[in-house]
Amino acid sequence: MSTVYGLVTLDSRGRVADRTAMKALGWAPGRRLDIREHRGLIIVAADQQGVFAVTKEGHLRLPAVVRHWCGLTAGDRVFLAAEPDASRLVVHPPAALDAMIAQAHAAALGGDRA
């Protein structure tokens, strides 16, 4: 299965409510997860030993410490890339999107815009 994309707004408790991504990943309530930051992205992977879990409502909650890693606050919009074959969700915070877009624009339009 190919990558499934989404764009969501975080609530005050860090909830990522995107049923399309969760359904594509097959992550049911209670599914254990590992959540890490890597180069400004939040990597969420299914992991039986994971400290975090899908909520009983079927949502992902990014814990406060994770949100602080990337400077996320309530109302921020994040871009999701669900990779079902890898059982992984990559959360792209605004700062990561800004950097990627600046790089793409610099490459497409010329000049150093990064």
PDB file of N, CA and C in Angstrom:
ATOM      1  N   MET A   1       0.845  -1.179   0.000  1.00  0.00           N
ATOM      2  CA  MET A   1       0.000   0.000   0.000  1.00  0.00           C
ATOM      3  C   MET A   1       0.889   1.240   0.000  1.00  0.00           C
ATOM      4  N   SER A   2       0.478   2.259  -0.703  1.00  0.00           N
ATOM      5  CA  SER A   2       1.281   3.477  -0.788  1.00  0.00           C
ATOM      6  C   SER A   2       1.038   4.388   0.413  1.00  0.00           C
ATOM      7  N   THR A   3       1.797   5.443   0.475  1.00  0.00           N
ATOM      8  CA  THR A   3       1.708   6.399   1.572  1.00  0.00           C
ATOM      9  C   THR A   3       0.361   7.116   1.541  1.00  0.00           C
ATOM     10  N   VAL A   4      -0.209   7.308   2.727  1.00  0.00           N
ATOM     11  CA  VAL A   4      -1.477   8.022   2.890  1.00  0.00           C
ATOM     12  C   VAL A   4      -1.165   9.331   3.606  1.00  0.00           C
ATOM     13  N   TYR A   5      -1.680  10.440   3.071  1.00  0.00           N
ATOM     14  CA  TYR A   5      -1.361  11.756   3.609  1.00  0.00           C
ATOM     15  C   TYR A   5      -2.554  12.385   4.306  1.00  0.00           C
ATOM     16  N   GLY A   6      -2.256  13.281   5.227  1.00  0.00           N
ATOM     17  CA  GLY A   6      -3.304  14.023   5.916  1.00  0.00           C
ATOM     18  C   GLY A   6      -2.754  15.313   6.489  1.00  0.00           C
ATOM     19  N   LEU A   7      -3.648  16.224   6.807  1.00  0.00           N
ATOM     20  CA  LEU A   7      -3.294  17.490   7.428  1.00  0.00           C
ATOM     21  C   LEU A   7      -4.269  17.699   8.577  1.00  0.00           C
ATOM     22  N   VAL A   8      -3.741  17.834   9.787  1.00  0.00           N
ATOM     23  CA  VAL A   8      -4.608  17.943  10.960  1.00  0.00           C
ATOM     24  C   VAL A   8      -4.155  19.084  11.864  1.00  0.00           C
ATOM     25  N   THR A   9      -5.088  19.532  12.693  1.00  0.00           N
ATOM     26  CA  THR A   9      -4.810  20.547  13.701  1.00  0.00           C
ATOM     27  C   THR A   9      -4.705  19.865  15.053  1.00  0.00           C
ATOM     28  N   LEU A  10      -3.632  20.149  15.779  1.00  0.00           N
ATOM     29  CA  LEU A  10      -3.464  19.581  17.120  1.00  0.00           C
ATOM     30  C   LEU A  10      -4.391  20.278  18.100  1.00  0.00           C
ATOM     31  N   ASP A  11      -4.996  19.503  18.995  1.00  0.00           N
ATOM     32  CA  ASP A  11      -5.791  20.130  20.043  1.00  0.00           C
ATOM     33  C   ASP A  11      -4.903  20.398  21.259  1.00  0.00           C
ATOM     34  N   SER A  12      -5.491  20.890  22.333  1.00  0.00           N
ATOM     35  CA  SER A  12      -4.711  21.290  23.510  1.00  0.00           C
ATOM     36  C   SER A  12      -4.022  20.121  24.202  1.00  0.00           C
ATOM     37  N   ARG A  13      -4.467  18.908  23.919  1.00  0.00           N
ATOM     38  CA  ARG A  13      -3.841  17.724  24.519  1.00  0.00           C
ATOM     39  C   ARG A  13      -2.979  16.956  23.519  1.00  0.00           C
ATOM     40  N   GLY A  14      -2.708  17.570  22.380  1.00  0.00           N
ATOM     41  CA  GLY A  14      -1.825  16.947  21.401  1.00  0.00           C
ATOM     42  C   GLY A  14      -2.466  15.857  20.567  1.00  0.00           C
ATOM     43  N   ARG A  15      -3.780  15.862  20.487  1.00  0.00           N
ATOM     44  CA  ARG A  15      -4.471  14.812  19.736  1.00  0.00           C
ATOM     45  C   ARG A  15      -4.303  15.008  18.239  1.00  0.00           C
ATOM     46  N   VAL A  16      -3.954  13.919  17.569  1.00  0.00           N
ATOM     47  CA  VAL A  16      -3.872  13.858  16.113  1.00  0.00           C
ATOM     48  C   VAL A  16      -5.061  13.003  15.679  1.00  0.00           C
ATOM     49  N   ALA A  17      -6.130  13.665  15.256  1.00  0.00           N
ATOM     50  CA  ALA A  17      -7.369  12.964  14.934  1.00  0.00           C
ATOM     51  C   ALA A  17      -7.514  12.834  13.422  1.00  0.00           C
ATOM     52  N   ASP A  18      -6.914  11.813  12.872  1.00  0.00           N
ATOM     53  CA  ASP A  18      -7.011  11.551  11.440  1.00  0.00           C
ATOM     54  C   ASP A  18      -7.324  10.075  11.256  1.00  0.00           C
ATOM     55  N   ARG A  19      -8.593   9.774  11.097  1.00  0.00           N
ATOM     56  CA  ARG A  19      -9.016   8.374  10.996  1.00  0.00           C
ATOM     57  C   ARG A  19      -8.505   7.703   9.723  1.00  0.00           C
ATOM     58  N   THR A  20      -8.323   8.462   8.659  1.00  0.00           N
ATOM     59  CA  THR A  20      -7.839   7.876   7.412  1.00  0.00           C
ATOM     60  C   THR A  20      -6.445   7.298   7.598  1.00  0.00           C
ATOM     61  N   ALA A  21      -5.564   8.065   8.225  1.00  0.00           N
ATOM     62  CA  ALA A  21      -4.197   7.583   8.464  1.00  0.00           C
ATOM     63  C   ALA A  21      -4.204   6.384   9.407  1.00  0.00           C
ATOM     64  N   MET A  22      -4.974   6.475  10.485  1.00  0.00           N
ATOM     65  CA  MET A  22      -5.006   5.380  11.462  1.00  0.00           C
ATOM     66  C   MET A  22      -5.576   4.108  10.829  1.00  0.00           C
ATOM     67  N   LYS A  23      -6.606   4.262  10.010  1.00  0.00           N
ATOM     68  CA  LYS A  23      -7.195   3.097   9.336  1.00  0.00           C
ATOM     69  C   LYS A  23      -6.190   2.476   8.370  1.00  0.00           C
ATOM     70  N   ALA A  24      -5.491   3.308   7.601  1.00  0.00           N
ATOM     71  CA  ALA A  24      -4.494   2.800   6.650  1.00  0.00           C
ATOM     72  C   ALA A  24      -3.404   2.024   7.375  1.00  0.00           C
ATOM     73  N   LEU A  25      -3.030   2.496   8.569  1.00  0.00           N
ATOM     74  CA  LEU A  25      -1.986   1.827   9.346  1.00  0.00           C
ATOM     75  C   LEU A  25      -2.506   0.585  10.066  1.00  0.00           C
ATOM     76  N   GLY A  26      -3.820   0.492  10.230  1.00  0.00           N
ATOM     77  CA  GLY A  26      -4.394  -0.645  10.946  1.00  0.00           C
ATOM     78  C   GLY A  26      -4.158  -0.577  12.446  1.00  0.00           C
ATOM     79  N   TRP A  27      -3.976   0.632  12.972  1.00  0.00           N
ATOM     80  CA  TRP A  27      -3.701   0.803  14.401  1.00  0.00           C
ATOM     81  C   TRP A  27      -5.000   0.955  15.170  1.00  0.00           C
ATOM     82  N   ALA A  28      -5.340  -0.059  15.928  1.00  0.00           N
ATOM     83  CA  ALA A  28      -6.553  -0.070  16.741  1.00  0.00           C
ATOM     84  C   ALA A  28      -6.267   0.538  18.113  1.00  0.00           C
ATOM     85  N   PRO A  29      -7.321   0.915  18.846  1.00  0.00           N
ATOM     86  CA  PRO A  29      -7.119   1.409  20.208  1.00  0.00           C
ATOM     87  C   PRO A  29      -6.278   0.427  21.026  1.00  0.00           C
ATOM     88  N   GLY A  30      -5.360   0.994  21.807  1.00  0.00           N
ATOM     89  CA  GLY A  30      -4.484   0.181  22.640  1.00  0.00           C
ATOM     90  C   GLY A  30      -3.185  -0.223  21.969  1.00  0.00           C
ATOM     91  N   ARG A  31      -3.076  -0.021  20.661  1.00  0.00           N
ATOM     92  CA  ARG A  31      -1.842  -0.396  19.948  1.00  0.00           C
ATOM     93  C   ARG A  31      -0.670   0.364  20.544  1.00  0.00           C
ATOM     94  N   ARG A  32       0.373  -0.359  20.935  1.00  0.00           N
ATOM     95  CA  ARG A  32       1.557   0.253  21.546  1.00  0.00           C
ATOM     96  C   ARG A  32       2.409   0.918  20.468  1.00  0.00           C
ATOM     97  N   LEU A  33       2.980   2.071  20.834  1.00  0.00           N
ATOM     98  CA  LEU A  33       3.730   2.878  19.872  1.00  0.00           C
ATOM     99  C   LEU A  33       5.038   3.388  20.460  1.00  0.00           C
ATOM    100  N   ASP A  34       6.007   3.555  19.595  1.00  0.00           N
ATOM    101  CA  ASP A  34       7.256   4.234  19.929  1.00  0.00           C
ATOM    102  C   ASP A  34       7.203   5.579  19.211  1.00  0.00           C
ATOM    103  N   ILE A  35       7.520   6.653  19.924  1.00  0.00           N
ATOM    104  CA  ILE A  35       7.495   7.990  19.335  1.00  0.00           C
ATOM    105  C   ILE A  35       8.854   8.628  19.542  1.00  0.00           C
ATOM    106  N   ARG A  36       9.458   9.072  18.438  1.00  0.00           N
ATOM    107  CA  ARG A  36      10.792   9.686  18.486  1.00  0.00           C
ATOM    108  C   ARG A  36      10.841  10.909  17.577  1.00  0.00           C
ATOM    109  N   GLU A  37      11.763  11.805  17.895  1.00  0.00           N
ATOM    110  CA  GLU A  37      12.044  12.948  17.033  1.00  0.00           C
ATOM    111  C   GLU A  37      13.304  12.632  16.246  1.00  0.00           C
ATOM    112  N   HIS A  38      13.287  12.939  14.949  1.00  0.00           N
ATOM    113  CA  HIS A  38      14.475  12.754  14.111  1.00  0.00           C
ATOM    114  C   HIS A  38      14.525  13.884  13.094  1.00  0.00           C
ATOM    115  N   ARG A  39      15.541  14.729  13.217  1.00  0.00           N
ATOM    116  CA  ARG A  39      15.750  15.835  12.278  1.00  0.00           C
ATOM    117  C   ARG A  39      14.514  16.709  12.109  1.00  0.00           C
ATOM    118  N   GLY A  40      13.842  16.986  13.202  1.00  0.00           N
ATOM    119  CA  GLY A  40      12.688  17.874  13.176  1.00  0.00           C
ATOM    120  C   GLY A  40      11.370  17.200  12.858  1.00  0.00           C
ATOM    121  N   LEU A  41      11.392  15.909  12.560  1.00  0.00           N
ATOM    122  CA  LEU A  41      10.171  15.151  12.293  1.00  0.00           C
ATOM    123  C   LEU A  41       9.837  14.291  13.503  1.00  0.00           C
ATOM    124  N   ILE A  42       8.572  13.961  13.651  1.00  0.00           N
ATOM    125  CA  ILE A  42       8.152  13.043  14.704  1.00  0.00           C
ATOM    126  C   ILE A  42       7.846  11.712  14.033  1.00  0.00           C
ATOM    127  N   ILE A  43       8.563  10.681  14.457  1.00  0.00           N
ATOM    128  CA  ILE A  43       8.407   9.347  13.880  1.00  0.00           C
ATOM    129  C   ILE A  43       7.637   8.493  14.881  1.00  0.00           C
ATOM    130  N   VAL A  44       6.484   7.982  14.446  1.00  0.00           N
ATOM    131  CA  VAL A  44       5.645   7.140  15.290  1.00  0.00           C
ATOM    132  C   VAL A  44       5.607   5.760  14.647  1.00  0.00           C
ATOM    133  N   ALA A  45       6.004   4.747  15.407  1.00  0.00           N
ATOM    134  CA  ALA A  45       6.059   3.389  14.858  1.00  0.00           C
ATOM    135  C   ALA A  45       5.368   2.413  15.798  1.00  0.00           C
ATOM    136  N   ALA A  46       4.697   1.434  15.218  1.00  0.00           N
ATOM    137  CA  ALA A  46       4.115   0.363  16.025  1.00  0.00           C
ATOM    138  C   ALA A  46       5.250  -0.390  16.703  1.00  0.00           C
ATOM    139  N   ASP A  47       5.091  -0.622  18.008  1.00  0.00           N
ATOM    140  CA  ASP A  47       6.143  -1.280  18.784  1.00  0.00           C
ATOM    141  C   ASP A  47       5.505  -1.905  20.018  1.00  0.00           C
ATOM    142  N   GLN A  48       5.539  -3.222  20.102  1.00  0.00           N
ATOM    143  CA  GLN A  48       4.918  -3.910  21.238  1.00  0.00           C
ATOM    144  C   GLN A  48       5.494  -3.473  22.572  1.00  0.00           C
ATOM    145  N   GLN A  49       6.717  -2.977  22.569  1.00  0.00           N
ATOM    146  CA  GLN A  49       7.354  -2.504  23.798  1.00  0.00           C
ATOM    147  C   GLN A  49       7.192  -0.988  23.973  1.00  0.00           C
ATOM    148  N   GLY A  50       6.438  -0.353  23.095  1.00  0.00           N
ATOM    149  CA  GLY A  50       6.289   1.096  23.124  1.00  0.00           C
ATOM    150  C   GLY A  50       5.647   1.605  24.402  1.00  0.00           C
ATOM    151  N   VAL A  51       6.038   2.798  24.787  1.00  0.00           N
ATOM    152  CA  VAL A  51       5.529   3.444  25.998  1.00  0.00           C
ATOM    153  C   VAL A  51       4.174   4.095  25.746  1.00  0.00           C
ATOM    154  N   PHE A  52       3.909   4.494  24.515  1.00  0.00           N
ATOM    155  CA  PHE A  52       2.691   5.210  24.164  1.00  0.00           C
ATOM    156  C   PHE A  52       1.698   4.252  23.508  1.00  0.00           C
ATOM    157  N   ALA A  53       0.428   4.686  23.384  1.00  0.00           N
ATOM    158  CA  ALA A  53      -0.594   3.829  22.783  1.00  0.00           C
ATOM    159  C   ALA A  53      -1.657   4.669  22.091  1.00  0.00           C
ATOM    160  N   VAL A  54      -2.329   4.056  21.117  1.00  0.00           N
ATOM    161  CA  VAL A  54      -3.482   4.668  20.474  1.00  0.00           C
ATOM    162  C   VAL A  54      -4.579   4.763  21.533  1.00  0.00           C
ATOM    163  N   THR A  55      -5.275   5.909  21.593  1.00  0.00           N
ATOM    164  CA  THR A  55      -6.314   6.110  22.603  1.00  0.00           C
ATOM    165  C   THR A  55      -7.505   5.188  22.360  1.00  0.00           C
ATOM    166  N   LYS A  56      -8.369   5.088  23.359  1.00  0.00           N
ATOM    167  CA  LYS A  56      -9.554   4.235  23.220  1.00  0.00           C
ATOM    168  C   LYS A  56     -10.487   4.745  22.127  1.00  0.00           C
ATOM    169  N   GLU A  57     -10.356   6.049  21.784  1.00  0.00           N
ATOM    170  CA  GLU A  57     -11.148   6.617  20.691  1.00  0.00           C
ATOM    171  C   GLU A  57     -10.504   6.378  19.326  1.00  0.00           C
ATOM    172  N   GLY A  58      -9.311   5.782  19.321  1.00  0.00           N
ATOM    173  CA  GLY A  58      -8.623   5.498  18.067  1.00  0.00           C
ATOM    174  C   GLY A  58      -7.756   6.629  17.553  1.00  0.00           C
ATOM    175  N   HIS A  59      -7.397   7.557  18.444  1.00  0.00           N
ATOM    176  CA  HIS A  59      -6.554   8.689  18.055  1.00  0.00           C
ATOM    177  C   HIS A  59      -5.137   8.520  18.582  1.00  0.00           C
ATOM    178  N   LEU A  60      -4.249   9.252  17.973  1.00  0.00           N
ATOM    179  CA  LEU A  60      -2.875   9.353  18.454  1.00  0.00           C
ATOM    180  C   LEU A  60      -2.780  10.633  19.264  1.00  0.00           C
ATOM    181  N   ARG A  61      -2.176  10.553  20.435  1.00  0.00           N
ATOM    182  CA  ARG A  61      -1.889  11.746  21.228  1.00  0.00           C
ATOM    183  C   ARG A  61      -0.384  11.904  21.302  1.00  0.00           C
ATOM    184  N   LEU A  62       0.083  13.059  20.884  1.00  0.00           N
ATOM    185  CA  LEU A  62       1.503  13.360  21.015  1.00  0.00           C
ATOM    186  C   LEU A  62       1.715  13.905  22.423  1.00  0.00           C
ATOM    187  N   PRO A  63       2.465  13.201  23.252  1.00  0.00           N
ATOM    188  CA  PRO A  63       2.696  13.659  24.626  1.00  0.00           C
ATOM    189  C   PRO A  63       3.371  15.032  24.647  1.00  0.00           C
ATOM    190  N   ALA A  64       3.203  15.736  25.768  1.00  0.00           N
ATOM    191  CA  ALA A  64       3.751  17.091  25.901  1.00  0.00           C
ATOM    192  C   ALA A  64       5.237  17.135  25.584  1.00  0.00           C
ATOM    193  N   VAL A  65       5.994  16.174  26.075  1.00  0.00           N
ATOM    194  CA  VAL A  65       7.441  16.184  25.821  1.00  0.00           C
ATOM    195  C   VAL A  65       7.734  16.104  24.322  1.00  0.00           C
ATOM    196  N   VAL A  66       6.942  15.342  23.606  1.00  0.00           N
ATOM    197  CA  VAL A  66       7.117  15.206  22.154  1.00  0.00           C
ATOM    198  C   VAL A  66       6.768  16.527  21.465  1.00  0.00           C
ATOM    199  N   ARG A  67       5.668  17.147  21.889  1.00  0.00           N
ATOM    200  CA  ARG A  67       5.274  18.430  21.295  1.00  0.00           C
ATOM    201  C   ARG A  67       6.345  19.488  21.547  1.00  0.00           C
ATOM    202  N   HIS A  68       6.927  19.480  22.732  1.00  0.00           N
ATOM    203  CA  HIS A  68       7.975  20.448  23.063  1.00  0.00           C
ATOM    204  C   HIS A  68       9.225  20.231  22.215  1.00  0.00           C
ATOM    205  N   TRP A  69       9.545  18.975  21.881  1.00  0.00           N
ATOM    206  CA  TRP A  69      10.706  18.687  21.029  1.00  0.00           C
ATOM    207  C   TRP A  69      10.663  19.530  19.767  1.00  0.00           C
ATOM    208  N   CYS A  70       9.449  19.655  19.209  1.00  0.00           N
ATOM    209  CA  CYS A  70       9.302  20.309  17.911  1.00  0.00           C
ATOM    210  C   CYS A  70       8.595  21.658  17.998  1.00  0.00           C
ATOM    211  N   GLY A  71       8.405  22.173  19.194  1.00  0.00           N
ATOM    212  CA  GLY A  71       7.787  23.484  19.362  1.00  0.00           C
ATOM    213  C   GLY A  71       6.329  23.538  18.951  1.00  0.00           C
ATOM    214  N   LEU A  72       5.606  22.436  19.109  1.00  0.00           N
ATOM    215  CA  LEU A  72       4.199  22.391  18.720  1.00  0.00           C
ATOM    216  C   LEU A  72       3.300  22.877  19.854  1.00  0.00           C
ATOM    217  N   THR A  73       2.267  23.633  19.486  1.00  0.00           N
ATOM    218  CA  THR A  73       1.276  24.087  20.454  1.00  0.00           C
ATOM    219  C   THR A  73      -0.117  23.827  19.894  1.00  0.00           C
ATOM    220  N   ALA A  74      -1.121  23.937  20.762  1.00  0.00           N
ATOM    221  CA  ALA A  74      -2.506  23.740  20.338  1.00  0.00           C
ATOM    222  C   ALA A  74      -2.817  24.668  19.169  1.00  0.00           C
ATOM    223  N   GLY A  75      -3.493  24.130  18.176  1.00  0.00           N
ATOM    224  CA  GLY A  75      -3.858  24.901  16.997  1.00  0.00           C
ATOM    225  C   GLY A  75      -2.875  24.780  15.847  1.00  0.00           C
ATOM    226  N   ASP A  76      -1.682  24.256  16.125  1.00  0.00           N
ATOM    227  CA  ASP A  76      -0.723  24.046  15.037  1.00  0.00           C
ATOM    228  C   ASP A  76      -1.244  22.955  14.108  1.00  0.00           C
ATOM    229  N   ARG A  77      -1.000  23.148  12.830  1.00  0.00           N
ATOM    230  CA  ARG A  77      -1.370  22.121  11.848  1.00  0.00           C
ATOM    231  C   ARG A  77      -0.122  21.335  11.498  1.00  0.00           C
ATOM    232  N   VAL A  78      -0.284  20.028  11.401  1.00  0.00           N
ATOM    233  CA  VAL A  78       0.833  19.152  11.058  1.00  0.00           C
ATOM    234  C   VAL A  78       0.441  18.306   9.855  1.00  0.00           C
ATOM    235  N   PHE A  79       1.433  17.998   9.044  1.00  0.00           N
ATOM    236  CA  PHE A  79       1.255  17.162   7.857  1.00  0.00           C
ATOM    237  C   PHE A  79       1.613  15.735   8.242  1.00  0.00           C
ATOM    238  N   LEU A  80       0.747  14.795   7.901  1.00  0.00           N
ATOM    239  CA  LEU A  80       0.957  13.387   8.232  1.00  0.00           C
ATOM    240  C   LEU A  80       1.295  12.590   6.978  1.00  0.00           C
ATOM    241  N   ALA A  81       2.207  11.654   7.136  1.00  0.00           N
ATOM    242  CA  ALA A  81       2.525  10.702   6.076  1.00  0.00           C
ATOM    243  C   ALA A  81       2.496   9.316   6.713  1.00  0.00           C
ATOM    244  N   ALA A  82       1.417   8.582   6.465  1.00  0.00           N
ATOM    245  CA  ALA A  82       1.268   7.231   7.004  1.00  0.00           C
ATOM    246  C   ALA A  82       1.854   6.245   6.001  1.00  0.00           C
ATOM    247  N   GLU A  83       2.761   5.404   6.486  1.00  0.00           N
ATOM    248  CA  GLU A  83       3.431   4.409   5.648  1.00  0.00           C
ATOM    249  C   GLU A  83       3.029   3.018   6.138  1.00  0.00           C
ATOM    250  N   PRO A  84       1.907   2.491   5.626  1.00  0.00           N
ATOM    251  CA  PRO A  84       1.391   1.214   6.119  1.00  0.00           C
ATOM    252  C   PRO A  84       2.375   0.051   6.018  1.00  0.00           C
ATOM    253  N   ASP A  85       3.139  -0.029   4.940  1.00  0.00           N
ATOM    254  CA  ASP A  85       4.074  -1.147   4.784  1.00  0.00           C
ATOM    255  C   ASP A  85       5.143  -1.157   5.865  1.00  0.00           C
ATOM    256  N   ALA A  86       5.468   0.004   6.406  1.00  0.00           N
ATOM    257  CA  ALA A  86       6.476   0.109   7.467  1.00  0.00           C
ATOM    258  C   ALA A  86       5.825   0.238   8.846  1.00  0.00           C
ATOM    259  N   SER A  87       4.483   0.265   8.895  1.00  0.00           N
ATOM    260  CA  SER A  87       3.735   0.482  10.137  1.00  0.00           C
ATOM    261  C   SER A  87       4.272   1.712  10.866  1.00  0.00           C
ATOM    262  N   ARG A  88       4.335   2.816  10.089  1.00  0.00           N
ATOM    263  CA  ARG A  88       4.959   4.039  10.604  1.00  0.00           C
ATOM    264  C   ARG A  88       4.159   5.264  10.158  1.00  0.00           C
ATOM    265  N   LEU A  89       4.091   6.244  11.065  1.00  0.00           N
ATOM    266  CA  LEU A  89       3.488   7.535  10.768  1.00  0.00           C
ATOM    267  C   LEU A  89       4.548   8.604  10.984  1.00  0.00           C
ATOM    268  N   VAL A  90       4.752   9.440   9.977  1.00  0.00           N
ATOM    269  CA  VAL A  90       5.708  10.537  10.100  1.00  0.00           C
ATOM    270  C   VAL A  90       4.901  11.829  10.204  1.00  0.00           C
ATOM    271  N   VAL A  91       5.125  12.550  11.299  1.00  0.00           N
ATOM    272  CA  VAL A  91       4.436  13.809  11.559  1.00  0.00           C
ATOM    273  C   VAL A  91       5.399  14.944  11.213  1.00  0.00           C
ATOM    274  N   HIS A  92       4.974  15.808  10.311  1.00  0.00           N
ATOM    275  CA  HIS A  92       5.793  16.932   9.848  1.00  0.00           C
ATOM    276  C   HIS A  92       5.285  18.219  10.498  1.00  0.00           C
ATOM    277  N   PRO A  93       5.991  18.736  11.500  1.00  0.00           N
ATOM    278  CA  PRO A  93       5.603  20.007  12.115  1.00  0.00           C
ATOM    279  C   PRO A  93       5.812  21.178  11.144  1.00  0.00           C
ATOM    280  N   PRO A  94       5.223  22.349  11.437  1.00  0.00           N
ATOM    281  CA  PRO A  94       5.372  23.503  10.549  1.00  0.00           C
ATOM    282  C   PRO A  94       6.825  23.859  10.227  1.00  0.00           C
ATOM    283  N   ALA A  95       7.715  23.810  11.201  1.00  0.00           N
ATOM    284  CA  ALA A  95       9.122  24.166  10.938  1.00  0.00           C
ATOM    285  C   ALA A  95       9.748  23.227   9.916  1.00  0.00           C
ATOM    286  N   ALA A  96       9.417  21.943   9.979  1.00  0.00           N
ATOM    287  CA  ALA A  96       9.950  20.979   9.012  1.00  0.00           C
ATOM    288  C   ALA A  96       9.372  21.247   7.624  1.00  0.00           C
ATOM    289  N   LEU A  97       8.088  21.582   7.569  1.00  0.00           N
ATOM    290  CA  LEU A  97       7.471  21.909   6.282  1.00  0.00           C
ATOM    291  C   LEU A  97       8.099  23.165   5.686  1.00  0.00           C
ATOM    292  N   ASP A  98       8.315  24.178   6.520  1.00  0.00           N
ATOM    293  CA  ASP A  98       8.956  25.408   6.037  1.00  0.00           C
ATOM    294  C   ASP A  98      10.308  25.106   5.402  1.00  0.00           C
ATOM    295  N   ALA A  99      11.110  24.289   6.071  1.00  0.00           N
ATOM    296  CA  ALA A  99      12.446  23.959   5.564  1.00  0.00           C
ATOM    297  C   ALA A  99      12.360  23.191   4.244  1.00  0.00           C
ATOM    298  N   MET A 100      11.454  22.207   4.167  1.00  0.00           N
ATOM    299  CA  MET A 100      11.320  21.425   2.933  1.00  0.00           C
ATOM    300  C   MET A 100      10.838  22.288   1.773  1.00  0.00           C
ATOM    301  N   ILE A 101       9.869  23.152   2.053  1.00  0.00           N
ATOM    302  CA  ILE A 101       9.327  24.003   0.993  1.00  0.00           C
ATOM    303  C   ILE A 101      10.369  25.017   0.533  1.00  0.00           C
ATOM    304  N   ALA A 102      11.101  25.606   1.465  1.00  0.00           N
ATOM    305  CA  ALA A 102      12.155  26.558   1.093  1.00  0.00           C
ATOM    306  C   ALA A 102      13.192  25.886   0.204  1.00  0.00           C
ATOM    307  N   GLN A 103      13.571  24.660   0.548  1.00  0.00           N
ATOM    308  CA  GLN A 103      14.555  23.925  -0.252  1.00  0.00           C
ATOM    309  C   GLN A 103      13.995  23.615  -1.641  1.00  0.00           C
ATOM    310  N   ALA A 104      12.744  23.175  -1.705  1.00  0.00           N
ATOM    311  CA  ALA A 104      12.134  22.859  -2.997  1.00  0.00           C
ATOM    312  C   ALA A 104      12.010  24.110  -3.861  1.00  0.00           C
ATOM    313  N   HIS A 105      11.617  25.222  -3.245  1.00  0.00           N
ATOM    314  CA  HIS A 105      11.484  26.469  -4.004  1.00  0.00           C
ATOM    315  C   HIS A 105      12.839  26.957  -4.503  1.00  0.00           C
ATOM    316  N   ALA A 106      13.857  26.840  -3.668  1.00  0.00           N
ATOM    317  CA  ALA A 106      15.202  27.248  -4.091  1.00  0.00           C
ATOM    318  C   ALA A 106      15.661  26.412  -5.286  1.00  0.00           C
ATOM    319  N   ALA A 107      15.390  25.109  -5.238  1.00  0.00           N
ATOM    320  CA  ALA A 107      15.789  24.226  -6.336  1.00  0.00           C
ATOM    321  C   ALA A 107      15.003  24.537  -7.611  1.00  0.00           C
ATOM    322  N   ALA A 108      13.703  24.806  -7.450  1.00  0.00           N
ATOM    323  CA  ALA A 108      12.855  25.042  -8.616  1.00  0.00           C
ATOM    324  C   ALA A 108      13.008  26.450  -9.186  1.00  0.00           C
ATOM    325  N   LEU A 109      13.220  27.413  -8.305  1.00  0.00           N
ATOM    326  CA  LEU A 109      13.219  28.810  -8.734  1.00  0.00           C
ATOM    327  C   LEU A 109      14.606  29.430  -8.816  1.00  0.00           C
ATOM    328  N   GLY A 110      15.597  28.679  -8.341  1.00  0.00           N
ATOM    329  CA  GLY A 110      16.966  29.189  -8.352  1.00  0.00           C
ATOM    330  C   GLY A 110      17.250  30.063  -7.148  1.00  0.00           C
ATOM    331  N   GLY A 111      18.496  30.173  -6.838  1.00  0.00           N
ATOM    332  CA  GLY A 111      18.890  31.004  -5.705  1.00  0.00           C
ATOM    333  C   GLY A 111      18.833  30.236  -4.403  1.00  0.00           C
ATOM    334  N   ASP A 112      19.370  30.837  -3.390  1.00  0.00           N
ATOM    335  CA  ASP A 112      19.399  30.214  -2.067  1.00  0.00           C
ATOM    336  C   ASP A 112      18.295  30.815  -1.222  1.00  0.00           C
ATOM    337  N   ARG A 113      17.182  30.121  -1.113  1.00  0.00           N
ATOM    338  CA  ARG A 113      16.042  30.604  -0.336  1.00  0.00           C
ATOM    339  C   ARG A 113      15.900  29.842   0.970  1.00  0.00           C
ATOM    340  N   ALA A 114      16.813  28.920   1.247  1.00  0.00           N
ATOM    341  CA  ALA A 114      16.717  28.094   2.458  1.00  0.00           C
ATOM    342  C   ALA A 114      17.185  28.845   3.678  1.00  0.00           C
TER     343      ALA A 114
END
